[in-house]
Amino acid sequence: MNIQLYVSKKNFDVQKAERFFKERRIAVQTMDLKKHRLGEREVQAMARAGGLQALIDREDKRVKEHPACYYNQDSLLLPAILESPWLLKSPIVRNGAKVTVGYQPEVWEAWLREG
């Protein structure tokens, strides 16, 4: 199992996700989005979890100040995400082609059962 944890800011959900995998002794590669630049293919893979719109953290005060928060076209949203990865919700957890956005332990448990 190759788990990648994409983190744009440390929040309670990120801490719970880290704890979830640590308690199960599963190695996690943490990608700090302040340092790691996302590629277009990575963002497209994340978007398969529910679309580009679902990736934007519309609850965050700083994100609400960015015009991308109000984009409703993916063609506008994708360049904004590539330029400003801090717009993304945290955590985004990736297991190969499978992706979750936010804290979703029931999905991660299913991944563990699958092997």
C-alpha atoms as a PDB file:
ATOM      1  CA  MET A   1       0.000   0.000   0.000  1.00  0.00           C
ATOM      2  CA  ASN A   2       1.430   3.345  -1.070  1.00  0.00           C
ATOM      3  CA  ILE A   3      -0.342   6.133   0.839  1.00  0.00           C
ATOM      4  CA  GLN A   4       0.333   9.767   0.027  1.00  0.00           C
ATOM      5  CA  LEU A   5      -1.042  12.484   2.272  1.00  0.00           C
ATOM      6  CA  TYR A   6      -1.341  15.899   0.606  1.00  0.00           C
ATOM      7  CA  VAL A   7      -1.421  18.644   3.214  1.00  0.00           C
ATOM      8  CA  SER A   8      -1.804  22.371   2.611  1.00  0.00           C
ATOM      9  CA  LYS A   9      -2.271  23.341   6.257  1.00  0.00           C
ATOM     10  CA  LYS A  10      -2.136  21.544   9.567  1.00  0.00           C
ATOM     11  CA  ASN A  11      -5.675  21.174  10.828  1.00  0.00           C
ATOM     12  CA  PHE A  12      -7.544  18.746  13.037  1.00  0.00           C
ATOM     13  CA  ASP A  13      -8.510  16.474  10.120  1.00  0.00           C
ATOM     14  CA  VAL A  14      -4.884  16.236   8.987  1.00  0.00           C
ATOM     15  CA  GLN A  15      -3.798  15.265  12.498  1.00  0.00           C
ATOM     16  CA  LYS A  16      -6.551  12.622  12.701  1.00  0.00           C
ATOM     17  CA  ALA A  17      -5.537  11.200   9.310  1.00  0.00           C
ATOM     18  CA  GLU A  18      -1.879  11.002  10.343  1.00  0.00           C
ATOM     19  CA  ARG A  19      -2.903   9.273  13.582  1.00  0.00           C
ATOM     20  CA  PHE A  20      -5.169   6.820  11.686  1.00  0.00           C
ATOM     21  CA  PHE A  21      -2.308   5.523   9.531  1.00  0.00           C
ATOM     22  CA  LYS A  22       0.300   5.672  12.303  1.00  0.00           C
ATOM     23  CA  GLU A  23      -1.860   3.558  14.651  1.00  0.00           C
ATOM     24  CA  ARG A  24      -2.129   0.926  11.908  1.00  0.00           C
ATOM     25  CA  ARG A  25       1.615   1.085  11.218  1.00  0.00           C
ATOM     26  CA  ILE A  26       1.133   2.146   7.617  1.00  0.00           C
ATOM     27  CA  ALA A  27       3.907   4.197   6.094  1.00  0.00           C
ATOM     28  CA  VAL A  28       2.677   7.505   4.725  1.00  0.00           C
ATOM     29  CA  GLN A  29       4.443   9.879   2.368  1.00  0.00           C
ATOM     30  CA  THR A  30       3.430  13.394   3.393  1.00  0.00           C
ATOM     31  CA  MET A  31       3.430  15.988   0.638  1.00  0.00           C
ATOM     32  CA  ASP A  32       3.497  19.518   2.038  1.00  0.00           C
ATOM     33  CA  LEU A  33       1.809  21.606  -0.633  1.00  0.00           C
ATOM     34  CA  LYS A  34       3.762  24.673   0.480  1.00  0.00           C
ATOM     35  CA  LYS A  35       6.913  22.938  -0.781  1.00  0.00           C
ATOM     36  CA  HIS A  36       5.660  20.355  -3.290  1.00  0.00           C
ATOM     37  CA  ARG A  37       4.342  21.748  -6.567  1.00  0.00           C
ATOM     38  CA  LEU A  38       1.433  19.765  -7.961  1.00  0.00           C
ATOM     39  CA  GLY A  39       1.433  18.615 -11.545  1.00  0.00           C
ATOM     40  CA  GLU A  40      -1.634  18.737 -13.742  1.00  0.00           C
ATOM     41  CA  ARG A  41      -1.912  14.931 -13.778  1.00  0.00           C
ATOM     42  CA  GLU A  42      -1.816  14.829  -9.960  1.00  0.00           C
ATOM     43  CA  VAL A  43      -4.630  17.379  -9.714  1.00  0.00           C
ATOM     44  CA  GLN A  44      -6.667  15.488 -12.337  1.00  0.00           C
ATOM     45  CA  ALA A  45      -6.209  12.266 -10.328  1.00  0.00           C
ATOM     46  CA  MET A  46      -7.415  14.067  -7.197  1.00  0.00           C
ATOM     47  CA  ALA A  47     -10.375  15.508  -9.085  1.00  0.00           C
ATOM     48  CA  ARG A  48     -11.632  11.992  -9.856  1.00  0.00           C
ATOM     49  CA  ALA A  49     -12.630  11.783  -6.174  1.00  0.00           C
ATOM     50  CA  GLY A  50     -15.467  14.244  -6.759  1.00  0.00           C
ATOM     51  CA  GLY A  51     -14.414  16.890  -9.231  1.00  0.00           C
ATOM     52  CA  LEU A  52     -12.229  19.957  -9.008  1.00  0.00           C
ATOM     53  CA  GLN A  53     -14.967  21.905  -7.215  1.00  0.00           C
ATOM     54  CA  ALA A  54     -14.865  19.425  -4.308  1.00  0.00           C
ATOM     55  CA  LEU A  55     -11.136  20.010  -3.817  1.00  0.00           C
ATOM     56  CA  ILE A  56     -11.483  23.702  -2.922  1.00  0.00           C
ATOM     57  CA  ASP A  57     -11.630  24.530   0.793  1.00  0.00           C
ATOM     58  CA  ARG A  58     -14.500  26.998   0.684  1.00  0.00           C
ATOM     59  CA  GLU A  59     -14.664  27.163   4.501  1.00  0.00           C
ATOM     60  CA  ASP A  60     -11.188  28.679   4.837  1.00  0.00           C
ATOM     61  CA  LYS A  61     -11.147  32.459   5.311  1.00  0.00           C
ATOM     62  CA  ARG A  62      -8.047  32.942   3.169  1.00  0.00           C
ATOM     63  CA  VAL A  63      -9.501  30.825   0.339  1.00  0.00           C
ATOM     64  CA  LYS A  64     -12.726  32.855   0.401  1.00  0.00           C
ATOM     65  CA  GLU A  65     -10.634  35.923  -0.432  1.00  0.00           C
ATOM     66  CA  HIS A  66      -9.247  34.277  -3.580  1.00  0.00           C
ATOM     67  CA  PRO A  67     -11.256  34.594  -6.817  1.00  0.00           C
ATOM     68  CA  ALA A  68     -10.898  30.845  -7.475  1.00  0.00           C
ATOM     69  CA  CYS A  69     -13.281  30.198  -4.598  1.00  0.00           C
ATOM     70  CA  TYR A  70     -16.047  31.530  -6.838  1.00  0.00           C
ATOM     71  CA  TYR A  71     -15.059  29.877 -10.135  1.00  0.00           C
ATOM     72  CA  ASN A  72     -17.602  27.405 -11.443  1.00  0.00           C
ATOM     73  CA  GLN A  73     -15.658  26.272 -14.517  1.00  0.00           C
ATOM     74  CA  ASP A  74     -12.964  23.602 -14.197  1.00  0.00           C
ATOM     75  CA  SER A  75     -10.989  25.258 -17.009  1.00  0.00           C
ATOM     76  CA  LEU A  76     -10.493  28.282 -14.714  1.00  0.00           C
ATOM     77  CA  LEU A  77     -10.084  26.290 -11.516  1.00  0.00           C
ATOM     78  CA  LEU A  78      -7.277  23.975 -12.656  1.00  0.00           C
ATOM     79  CA  PRO A  79      -4.692  26.753 -13.305  1.00  0.00           C
ATOM     80  CA  ALA A  80      -5.647  28.406  -9.996  1.00  0.00           C
ATOM     81  CA  ILE A  81      -5.028  25.156  -8.093  1.00  0.00           C
ATOM     82  CA  LEU A  82      -1.717  24.572  -9.863  1.00  0.00           C
ATOM     83  CA  GLU A  83      -0.583  28.087  -8.970  1.00  0.00           C
ATOM     84  CA  SER A  84      -2.017  28.163  -5.425  1.00  0.00           C
ATOM     85  CA  PRO A  85      -2.208  24.649  -3.918  1.00  0.00           C
ATOM     86  CA  TRP A  86      -3.190  26.161  -0.541  1.00  0.00           C
ATOM     87  CA  LEU A  87      -6.713  26.447  -1.998  1.00  0.00           C
ATOM     88  CA  LEU A  88      -7.141  22.690  -1.515  1.00  0.00           C
ATOM     89  CA  LYS A  89      -8.899  20.993   1.373  1.00  0.00           C
ATOM     90  CA  SER A  90      -6.677  19.064   3.743  1.00  0.00           C
ATOM     91  CA  PRO A  91      -6.018  16.218   3.890  1.00  0.00           C
ATOM     92  CA  ILE A  92      -6.175  14.674   0.446  1.00  0.00           C
ATOM     93  CA  VAL A  93      -5.238  11.008   0.783  1.00  0.00           C
ATOM     94  CA  ARG A  94      -4.110   9.055  -2.248  1.00  0.00           C
ATOM     95  CA  ASN A  95      -3.696   5.299  -2.549  1.00  0.00           C
ATOM     96  CA  GLY A  96      -2.623   4.667  -6.136  1.00  0.00           C
ATOM     97  CA  ALA A  97      -5.559   5.758  -8.306  1.00  0.00           C
ATOM     98  CA  LYS A  98      -7.920   6.015  -5.311  1.00  0.00           C
ATOM     99  CA  VAL A  99      -8.311   9.413  -3.669  1.00  0.00           C
ATOM    100  CA  THR A 100     -10.259  10.821  -0.725  1.00  0.00           C
ATOM    101  CA  VAL A 101     -10.746  14.451   0.224  1.00  0.00           C
ATOM    102  CA  GLY A 102     -11.028  15.202   3.929  1.00  0.00           C
ATOM    103  CA  TYR A 103     -11.119  12.791   6.858  1.00  0.00           C
ATOM    104  CA  GLN A 104     -12.685   9.510   5.650  1.00  0.00           C
ATOM    105  CA  PRO A 105     -11.549   6.633   7.875  1.00  0.00           C
ATOM    106  CA  GLU A 106     -14.286   4.272   6.634  1.00  0.00           C
ATOM    107  CA  VAL A 107     -12.879   4.477   3.088  1.00  0.00           C
ATOM    108  CA  TRP A 108      -9.322   3.977   4.337  1.00  0.00           C
ATOM    109  CA  GLU A 109     -10.441   0.908   6.326  1.00  0.00           C
ATOM    110  CA  ALA A 110     -11.871  -0.519   3.082  1.00  0.00           C
ATOM    111  CA  TRP A 111      -8.517   0.076   1.385  1.00  0.00           C
ATOM    112  CA  LEU A 112      -6.798  -1.865   4.186  1.00  0.00           C
ATOM    113  CA  ARG A 113      -9.205  -4.793   3.826  1.00  0.00           C
ATOM    114  CA  GLU A 114      -8.582  -4.871   0.054  1.00  0.00           C
ATOM    115  CA  GLY A 115      -4.907  -5.321   0.774  1.00  0.00           C
END
